[in-house]
Amino acid sequence: MVASITLGAAVAAIGAGIAILGGAIATGIAQAGIGSAGIGLIAEKPEEMGRVLLFLVLPETLMIFGFVVAVLIMLGAGFV
């Protein structure tokens, strides 16, 4: 059995992949800067660990937003 996919569905799948990829790259870039600055701060003031951890977790929302956009695209294209 051969599965056929329309051009619109293929473009939607590519768009969903780009949404997740963009969120992942943005999260990685943001966490790189925050992580290096956070390690420097923890080395000088160990009591600031909670604040650094909070700042390190905040960029993860970019990945969550990318995932939500990808799911919405896939729902709109009729994949799910």
N, C-alpha and C. Protein backbone atom coordinates (compact mmCIF):
# COMPACT_ATOMS: atom_id res chain seq x y z
N MET A 1 0.85 -1.18 0.00
CA MET A 1 0.00 0.00 0.00
C MET A 1 0.89 1.24 0.00
N VAL A 2 0.60 2.16 -0.88
CA VAL A 2 1.39 3.37 -1.03
C VAL A 2 0.63 4.52 -0.37
N ALA A 3 1.30 5.20 0.54
CA ALA A 3 0.68 6.34 1.20
C ALA A 3 0.96 7.59 0.37
N SER A 4 -0.06 8.37 0.15
CA SER A 4 0.13 9.61 -0.59
C SER A 4 -0.09 10.79 0.34
N ILE A 5 0.68 11.81 0.11
CA ILE A 5 0.59 13.01 0.95
C ILE A 5 0.47 14.21 0.02
N THR A 6 -0.38 15.14 0.37
CA THR A 6 -0.59 16.32 -0.46
C THR A 6 0.53 17.33 -0.22
N LEU A 7 0.66 18.26 -1.14
CA LEU A 7 1.68 19.29 -1.01
C LEU A 7 1.44 20.15 0.23
N GLY A 8 0.19 20.46 0.51
CA GLY A 8 -0.13 21.26 1.69
C GLY A 8 0.24 20.56 2.98
N ALA A 9 0.01 19.26 3.03
CA ALA A 9 0.37 18.50 4.23
C ALA A 9 1.89 18.43 4.38
N ALA A 10 2.59 18.32 3.28
CA ALA A 10 4.06 18.28 3.35
C ALA A 10 4.62 19.61 3.83
N VAL A 11 4.06 20.70 3.34
CA VAL A 11 4.51 22.02 3.78
C VAL A 11 4.18 22.23 5.26
N ALA A 12 3.04 21.74 5.69
CA ALA A 12 2.67 21.85 7.11
C ALA A 12 3.64 21.05 7.98
N ALA A 13 4.03 19.87 7.53
CA ALA A 13 4.98 19.07 8.30
C ALA A 13 6.34 19.74 8.38
N ILE A 14 6.77 20.34 7.29
CA ILE A 14 8.04 21.08 7.30
C ILE A 14 7.94 22.29 8.23
N GLY A 15 6.80 22.98 8.19
CA GLY A 15 6.61 24.13 9.08
C GLY A 15 6.63 23.74 10.54
N ALA A 16 6.03 22.60 10.86
CA ALA A 16 6.05 22.12 12.24
C ALA A 16 7.47 21.79 12.67
N GLY A 17 8.25 21.19 11.78
CA GLY A 17 9.64 20.89 12.10
C GLY A 17 10.45 22.15 12.31
N ILE A 18 10.20 23.17 11.50
CA ILE A 18 10.92 24.43 11.65
C ILE A 18 10.55 25.10 12.98
N ALA A 19 9.30 25.00 13.39
CA ALA A 19 8.88 25.58 14.67
C ALA A 19 9.63 24.94 15.83
N ILE A 20 9.75 23.62 15.80
CA ILE A 20 10.48 22.94 16.88
C ILE A 20 11.96 23.24 16.79
N LEU A 21 12.52 23.24 15.59
CA LEU A 21 13.94 23.52 15.41
C LEU A 21 14.28 24.93 15.88
N GLY A 22 13.46 25.90 15.53
CA GLY A 22 13.70 27.28 15.96
C GLY A 22 13.67 27.42 17.47
N GLY A 23 12.71 26.77 18.10
CA GLY A 23 12.65 26.82 19.56
C GLY A 23 13.86 26.17 20.21
N ALA A 24 14.32 25.07 19.63
CA ALA A 24 15.48 24.36 20.21
C ALA A 24 16.75 25.17 20.06
N ILE A 25 16.95 25.78 18.90
CA ILE A 25 18.17 26.57 18.68
C ILE A 25 18.15 27.81 19.58
N ALA A 26 17.01 28.49 19.66
CA ALA A 26 16.92 29.68 20.51
C ALA A 26 17.15 29.34 21.97
N THR A 27 16.62 28.21 22.42
CA THR A 27 16.83 27.78 23.80
C THR A 27 18.29 27.49 24.06
N GLY A 28 18.95 26.82 23.15
CA GLY A 28 20.36 26.51 23.31
C GLY A 28 21.23 27.75 23.37
N ILE A 29 20.97 28.71 22.50
CA ILE A 29 21.75 29.95 22.50
C ILE A 29 21.55 30.72 23.80
N ALA A 30 20.29 30.81 24.25
CA ALA A 30 20.01 31.54 25.48
C ALA A 30 20.63 30.86 26.70
N GLN A 31 20.53 29.54 26.75
CA GLN A 31 21.06 28.83 27.91
C GLN A 31 22.59 28.84 27.94
N ALA A 32 23.23 28.96 26.79
CA ALA A 32 24.69 29.01 26.77
C ALA A 32 25.19 30.25 27.50
N GLY A 33 24.60 31.39 27.20
CA GLY A 33 25.02 32.62 27.86
C GLY A 33 24.64 32.66 29.34
N ILE A 34 23.45 32.22 29.64
CA ILE A 34 22.98 32.22 31.02
C ILE A 34 23.79 31.23 31.86
N GLY A 35 24.08 30.07 31.28
CA GLY A 35 24.83 29.05 32.02
C GLY A 35 26.23 29.49 32.37
N SER A 36 26.93 30.10 31.40
CA SER A 36 28.29 30.53 31.69
C SER A 36 28.32 31.66 32.71
N ALA A 37 27.39 32.60 32.59
CA ALA A 37 27.33 33.68 33.58
C ALA A 37 26.90 33.14 34.94
N GLY A 38 25.99 32.18 34.93
CA GLY A 38 25.52 31.60 36.18
C GLY A 38 26.60 30.85 36.94
N ILE A 39 27.44 30.11 36.22
CA ILE A 39 28.53 29.39 36.88
C ILE A 39 29.51 30.38 37.51
N GLY A 40 29.77 31.49 36.82
CA GLY A 40 30.63 32.52 37.41
C GLY A 40 30.04 33.11 38.67
N LEU A 41 28.73 33.33 38.67
CA LEU A 41 28.08 33.89 39.85
C LEU A 41 28.08 32.89 41.00
N ILE A 42 27.81 31.62 40.69
CA ILE A 42 27.80 30.60 41.75
C ILE A 42 29.20 30.43 42.35
N ALA A 43 30.23 30.59 41.53
CA ALA A 43 31.59 30.47 42.05
C ALA A 43 31.89 31.57 43.07
N GLU A 44 31.32 32.75 42.86
CA GLU A 44 31.55 33.85 43.79
C GLU A 44 30.54 33.88 44.93
N LYS A 45 29.29 33.55 44.65
CA LYS A 45 28.23 33.59 45.66
C LYS A 45 27.41 32.31 45.58
N PRO A 46 27.78 31.27 46.29
CA PRO A 46 27.04 30.00 46.21
C PRO A 46 25.58 30.11 46.65
N GLU A 47 25.23 31.09 47.42
CA GLU A 47 23.84 31.22 47.88
C GLU A 47 22.90 31.68 46.76
N GLU A 48 23.41 32.07 45.63
CA GLU A 48 22.59 32.51 44.49
C GLU A 48 22.20 31.36 43.56
N MET A 49 22.38 30.13 44.00
CA MET A 49 22.10 28.96 43.17
C MET A 49 20.64 28.92 42.70
N GLY A 50 19.70 29.23 43.57
CA GLY A 50 18.29 29.20 43.21
C GLY A 50 17.96 30.20 42.12
N ARG A 51 18.50 31.39 42.21
CA ARG A 51 18.24 32.42 41.20
C ARG A 51 18.83 32.02 39.85
N VAL A 52 20.04 31.47 39.88
CA VAL A 52 20.67 31.03 38.63
C VAL A 52 19.85 29.89 38.00
N LEU A 53 19.39 28.98 38.81
CA LEU A 53 18.58 27.87 38.29
C LEU A 53 17.28 28.38 37.66
N LEU A 54 16.66 29.36 38.28
CA LEU A 54 15.44 29.95 37.72
C LEU A 54 15.73 30.59 36.37
N PHE A 55 16.81 31.36 36.28
CA PHE A 55 17.15 32.01 35.02
C PHE A 55 17.53 31.00 33.95
N LEU A 56 18.09 29.87 34.35
CA LEU A 56 18.48 28.85 33.39
C LEU A 56 17.26 28.09 32.85
N VAL A 57 16.21 28.00 33.64
CA VAL A 57 15.01 27.28 33.22
C VAL A 57 14.08 28.16 32.36
N LEU A 58 14.15 29.46 32.50
CA LEU A 58 13.23 30.35 31.77
C LEU A 58 13.29 30.18 30.25
N PRO A 59 14.45 30.03 29.62
CA PRO A 59 14.45 29.87 28.16
C PRO A 59 13.78 28.59 27.67
N GLU A 60 13.55 27.63 28.54
CA GLU A 60 12.87 26.40 28.13
C GLU A 60 11.46 26.69 27.63
N THR A 61 10.89 27.83 28.03
CA THR A 61 9.56 28.17 27.54
C THR A 61 9.58 28.38 26.03
N LEU A 62 10.71 28.78 25.45
CA LEU A 62 10.81 28.91 24.00
C LEU A 62 10.58 27.57 23.32
N MET A 63 11.13 26.53 23.89
CA MET A 63 10.95 25.20 23.33
C MET A 63 9.50 24.74 23.48
N ILE A 64 8.89 25.06 24.60
CA ILE A 64 7.49 24.71 24.82
C ILE A 64 6.60 25.44 23.81
N PHE A 65 6.88 26.72 23.57
CA PHE A 65 6.10 27.47 22.59
C PHE A 65 6.27 26.89 21.19
N GLY A 66 7.49 26.49 20.83
CA GLY A 66 7.73 25.87 19.54
C GLY A 66 6.96 24.58 19.39
N PHE A 67 6.92 23.79 20.46
CA PHE A 67 6.18 22.53 20.43
C PHE A 67 4.68 22.79 20.27
N VAL A 68 4.16 23.77 20.98
CA VAL A 68 2.72 24.08 20.89
C VAL A 68 2.37 24.55 19.48
N VAL A 69 3.22 25.39 18.89
CA VAL A 69 2.98 25.85 17.52
C VAL A 69 3.01 24.66 16.56
N ALA A 70 3.96 23.75 16.74
CA ALA A 70 4.04 22.57 15.87
C ALA A 70 2.79 21.70 15.99
N VAL A 71 2.31 21.52 17.21
CA VAL A 71 1.09 20.73 17.40
C VAL A 71 -0.11 21.41 16.73
N LEU A 72 -0.19 22.73 16.87
CA LEU A 72 -1.30 23.46 16.23
C LEU A 72 -1.23 23.34 14.71
N ILE A 73 -0.03 23.42 14.16
CA ILE A 73 0.13 23.26 12.71
C ILE A 73 -0.31 21.86 12.28
N MET A 74 0.13 20.86 13.02
CA MET A 74 -0.22 19.48 12.66
C MET A 74 -1.73 19.23 12.81
N LEU A 75 -2.34 19.83 13.82
CA LEU A 75 -3.81 19.71 13.96
C LEU A 75 -4.53 20.38 12.79
N GLY A 76 -4.03 21.54 12.40
CA GLY A 76 -4.64 22.25 11.30
C GLY A 76 -4.51 21.51 9.98
N ALA A 77 -3.41 20.78 9.82
CA ALA A 77 -3.19 20.04 8.57
C ALA A 77 -3.91 18.70 8.58
N GLY A 78 -4.44 18.29 9.71
CA GLY A 78 -5.19 17.04 9.79
C GLY A 78 -4.33 15.81 10.04
N PHE A 79 -3.14 15.99 10.56
CA PHE A 79 -2.28 14.85 10.86
C PHE A 79 -2.68 14.14 12.14
N VAL A 80 -3.21 14.86 13.08
CA VAL A 80 -3.52 14.28 14.39
C VAL A 80 -5.01 14.14 14.55
